[in-house]
Amino acid sequence: MNTFSKLAVVSILWAGAVNAETVNGLRTADEFDSIDNEADRSVALFEEMFLVIESPRCMNCHPVNNTPLQGDDMQPHQPPVVRGDADFGAPGMRCSTCHGSKNFTYTTGEGSIPGHEPWQLAPIEMGWVGLTAAEVCAQLKDPKRNGDRTLAELHEHNAEDGLVGWGWEPGVGRTPAPGSQEVFGALTQAWIDTGAACPTG
């Protein structure tokens, strides 16, 4: 094998390694290619997605009651606020009262107020706190509990929605969600492509 051929082989192997590389604690979709059984691979893909879903960056805005949570330790929101009729807070205390269109870093640099346009709670039927991976998976596939989305629309939401993307750009003082929105979107598509199977139990 000549030098050029050897370099070509190394490049191909290197490219494959890059494509199958864990990103900030989240495995990429192609890291599951070795699972031969498609249903098993689909479940494994969703369990990897669940690492993002169970992150405080997601859970804090997906409560099962009317109170948002905050911080990496998922404490009740301070000052006390409630969901309100349209998930934007109660009259006189809308989410936008404090949360602007982007993160606002304190002048001390010790923290920040999160922001995005819009800033709101997920609808209560999309609450996740305390649910298992199996329960969240079933919910995400149910149009009555996922914002009336098809699986294709769910992928678009996970892969492209700006508020979802905020989870990886959460501002000073917060731990980003694992991985990246790009990896999360690819995992979602791979999960759908393998039958959108759910964990059991």
Protein backbone atom coordinates (compact mmCIF):
# COMPACT_ATOMS: atom_id res chain seq x y z
CA MET A 1 0.00 0.00 0.00
CA ASN A 2 1.49 3.37 -0.98
CA THR A 3 1.63 6.41 1.31
CA PHE A 4 -1.39 8.04 -0.33
CA SER A 5 -3.52 4.91 0.18
CA LYS A 6 -2.44 4.64 3.80
CA LEU A 7 -3.40 8.27 4.40
CA ALA A 8 -6.77 7.70 2.76
CA VAL A 9 -7.49 4.74 5.02
CA VAL A 10 -6.45 6.70 8.11
CA SER A 11 -8.69 9.59 7.03
CA ILE A 12 -11.68 7.28 6.59
CA LEU A 13 -11.10 5.65 9.99
CA TRP A 14 -10.64 9.04 11.62
CA ALA A 15 -13.84 10.37 10.06
CA GLY A 16 -15.75 7.35 11.35
CA ALA A 17 -14.35 7.91 14.82
CA VAL A 18 -15.39 11.56 14.75
CA ASN A 19 -18.92 10.63 13.69
CA ALA A 20 -19.19 8.20 16.59
CA GLU A 21 -17.92 10.43 19.35
CA THR A 22 -19.72 11.27 22.56
CA VAL A 23 -20.42 15.01 22.79
CA ASN A 24 -20.48 16.59 26.25
CA GLY A 25 -21.73 13.40 27.86
CA LEU A 26 -24.26 12.48 25.16
CA ARG A 27 -23.57 9.64 22.74
CA THR A 28 -24.19 10.29 19.06
CA ALA A 29 -26.76 8.25 17.12
CA ASP A 30 -24.18 6.22 15.24
CA GLU A 31 -22.74 4.91 18.49
CA PHE A 32 -25.83 2.67 18.62
CA ASP A 33 -25.35 1.15 15.16
CA SER A 34 -23.85 -2.02 16.64
CA ILE A 35 -27.18 -2.96 18.25
CA ASP A 36 -28.57 -5.37 15.65
CA ASN A 37 -32.14 -5.63 16.91
CA GLU A 38 -33.93 -2.52 15.68
CA ALA A 39 -36.38 -2.35 18.59
CA ASP A 40 -33.55 -2.67 21.11
CA ARG A 41 -31.60 0.02 19.27
CA SER A 42 -34.65 2.28 19.30
CA VAL A 43 -35.07 1.87 23.05
CA ALA A 44 -31.38 2.55 23.62
CA LEU A 45 -31.62 5.71 21.51
CA PHE A 46 -34.55 6.97 23.55
CA GLU A 47 -32.76 6.23 26.80
CA GLU A 48 -29.92 8.40 25.52
CA MET A 49 -32.42 11.13 24.61
CA PHE A 50 -33.75 10.87 28.15
CA LEU A 51 -30.39 12.10 29.48
CA VAL A 52 -31.35 15.45 27.94
CA ILE A 53 -35.00 15.27 28.91
CA GLU A 54 -34.22 14.62 32.58
CA SER A 55 -31.74 17.50 32.68
CA PRO A 56 -32.81 20.40 34.93
CA ARG A 57 -32.63 22.59 31.82
CA CYS A 58 -35.67 20.70 30.51
CA MET A 59 -37.38 19.50 33.68
CA ASN A 60 -37.57 22.95 35.28
CA CYS A 61 -40.00 24.08 32.58
CA HIS A 62 -41.86 20.76 32.35
CA PRO A 63 -43.38 20.46 35.85
CA VAL A 64 -46.41 18.26 36.48
CA ASN A 65 -48.04 21.03 38.51
CA ASN A 66 -48.38 24.79 38.09
CA THR A 67 -45.05 25.81 39.62
CA PRO A 68 -41.87 26.13 37.56
CA LEU A 69 -38.59 24.99 39.04
CA GLN A 70 -35.19 26.64 38.81
CA GLY A 71 -31.51 25.94 39.23
CA ASP A 72 -29.50 22.78 38.86
CA ASP A 73 -31.09 21.55 42.10
CA MET A 74 -34.62 22.07 40.69
CA GLN A 75 -35.99 24.18 43.55
CA PRO A 76 -39.39 25.95 43.35
CA HIS A 77 -39.15 29.22 41.43
CA GLN A 78 -38.30 32.32 43.47
CA PRO A 79 -40.10 34.65 43.59
CA PRO A 80 -43.15 32.38 43.74
CA VAL A 81 -44.97 32.31 40.41
CA VAL A 82 -47.71 30.19 38.85
CA ARG A 83 -48.43 28.83 35.41
CA GLY A 84 -51.37 31.05 34.48
CA ASP A 85 -54.03 30.29 31.89
CA ALA A 86 -51.72 30.27 28.85
CA ASP A 87 -48.49 28.96 30.48
CA PHE A 88 -46.98 32.49 30.47
CA GLY A 89 -47.66 33.27 34.14
CA ALA A 90 -50.53 34.91 35.97
CA PRO A 91 -51.80 38.41 35.09
CA GLY A 92 -49.47 40.98 36.62
CA MET A 93 -46.68 38.42 36.95
CA ARG A 94 -46.05 37.16 33.44
CA CYS A 95 -42.86 35.26 32.70
CA SER A 96 -41.74 38.21 30.57
CA THR A 97 -41.86 40.46 33.65
CA CYS A 98 -38.40 39.13 34.53
CA HIS A 99 -37.36 36.99 31.57
CA GLY A 100 -36.32 38.89 28.48
CA SER A 101 -35.51 37.73 24.97
CA LYS A 102 -32.00 36.58 25.97
CA ASN A 103 -29.97 35.64 29.01
CA PHE A 104 -29.04 38.56 31.24
CA THR A 105 -25.76 38.16 33.15
CA TYR A 106 -25.51 39.81 36.55
CA THR A 107 -22.98 42.63 36.72
CA THR A 108 -21.13 40.57 39.35
CA GLY A 109 -20.76 37.75 36.81
CA GLU A 110 -21.94 35.26 39.44
CA GLY A 111 -25.17 34.27 37.76
CA SER A 112 -27.81 35.28 35.26
CA ILE A 113 -31.50 35.55 34.54
CA PRO A 114 -32.40 33.13 31.75
CA GLY A 115 -34.13 34.50 28.71
CA HIS A 116 -35.58 33.57 25.34
CA GLU A 117 -38.50 34.73 23.23
CA PRO A 118 -40.92 33.27 24.18
CA TRP A 119 -40.23 32.23 27.78
CA GLN A 120 -42.96 29.99 29.14
CA LEU A 121 -43.84 26.72 30.83
CA ALA A 122 -44.60 23.66 28.79
CA PRO A 123 -48.33 22.82 28.86
CA ILE A 124 -49.25 20.80 31.92
CA GLU A 125 -50.07 17.71 29.84
CA MET A 126 -46.39 17.79 28.84
CA GLY A 127 -45.15 17.66 32.44
CA TRP A 128 -42.17 15.33 33.02
CA VAL A 129 -40.97 15.77 36.60
CA GLY A 130 -41.11 12.42 38.38
CA LEU A 131 -41.96 10.40 35.27
CA THR A 132 -39.94 7.41 34.10
CA ALA A 133 -38.33 7.19 30.66
CA ALA A 134 -41.13 4.81 29.62
CA GLU A 135 -43.81 7.28 30.72
CA VAL A 136 -42.18 10.25 29.00
CA CYS A 137 -41.70 8.22 25.83
CA ALA A 138 -45.39 7.27 25.73
CA GLN A 139 -46.33 10.89 26.34
CA LEU A 140 -44.12 12.17 23.52
CA LYS A 141 -45.80 9.79 21.07
CA ASP A 142 -49.34 10.80 22.13
CA PRO A 143 -50.66 13.81 20.15
CA LYS A 144 -53.03 14.58 23.04
CA ARG A 145 -50.04 15.08 25.31
CA ASN A 146 -47.27 16.30 22.99
CA GLY A 147 -48.77 19.51 21.60
CA ASP A 148 -50.59 17.65 18.80
CA ARG A 149 -47.30 16.88 17.06
CA THR A 150 -46.51 14.10 14.62
CA LEU A 151 -43.21 12.31 15.12
CA ALA A 152 -41.76 14.41 12.29
CA GLU A 153 -42.90 17.58 14.06
CA LEU A 154 -41.47 16.27 17.32
CA HIS A 155 -38.11 15.85 15.60
CA GLU A 156 -38.31 19.39 14.23
CA HIS A 157 -39.12 20.68 17.73
CA ASN A 158 -36.17 18.86 19.30
CA ALA A 159 -33.74 19.69 16.52
CA GLU A 160 -34.63 23.28 15.68
CA ASP A 161 -36.81 24.99 18.29
CA GLY A 162 -34.97 27.90 19.89
CA LEU A 163 -36.41 27.40 23.37
CA VAL A 164 -35.25 23.78 23.30
CA GLY A 165 -31.88 25.02 22.08
CA TRP A 166 -31.64 27.39 25.07
CA GLY A 167 -30.92 24.25 27.15
CA TRP A 168 -27.39 24.25 25.70
CA GLU A 169 -26.92 28.03 26.09
CA PRO A 170 -28.47 28.53 29.54
CA GLY A 171 -26.43 31.46 30.78
CA VAL A 172 -23.95 31.94 33.60
CA GLY A 173 -24.54 29.78 36.65
CA ARG A 174 -26.35 26.89 34.97
CA THR A 175 -25.10 23.55 33.71
CA PRO A 176 -26.01 23.05 30.03
CA ALA A 177 -27.98 19.99 29.00
CA PRO A 178 -25.80 17.05 27.90
CA GLY A 179 -24.56 17.02 24.31
CA SER A 180 -25.85 19.59 21.85
CA GLN A 181 -29.13 20.32 20.11
CA GLU A 182 -27.68 18.89 16.91
CA VAL A 183 -26.90 15.56 18.61
CA PHE A 184 -30.27 15.55 20.38
CA GLY A 185 -32.05 16.10 17.07
CA ALA A 186 -30.08 13.32 15.40
CA LEU A 187 -30.87 10.94 18.26
CA THR A 188 -34.54 11.84 17.91
CA GLN A 189 -34.52 11.11 14.18
CA ALA A 190 -32.69 7.82 14.68
CA TRP A 191 -35.20 6.84 17.38
CA ILE A 192 -38.07 7.59 14.97
CA ASP A 193 -36.36 5.77 12.10
CA THR A 194 -36.02 2.63 14.23
CA GLY A 195 -39.71 2.54 15.14
CA ALA A 196 -39.87 5.01 18.07
CA ALA A 197 -39.87 2.15 20.57
CA CYS A 198 -40.25 2.94 24.25
CA PRO A 199 -38.50 1.49 27.28
CA THR A 200 -40.57 -0.81 29.45
CA GLY A 201 -41.14 -0.43 33.15
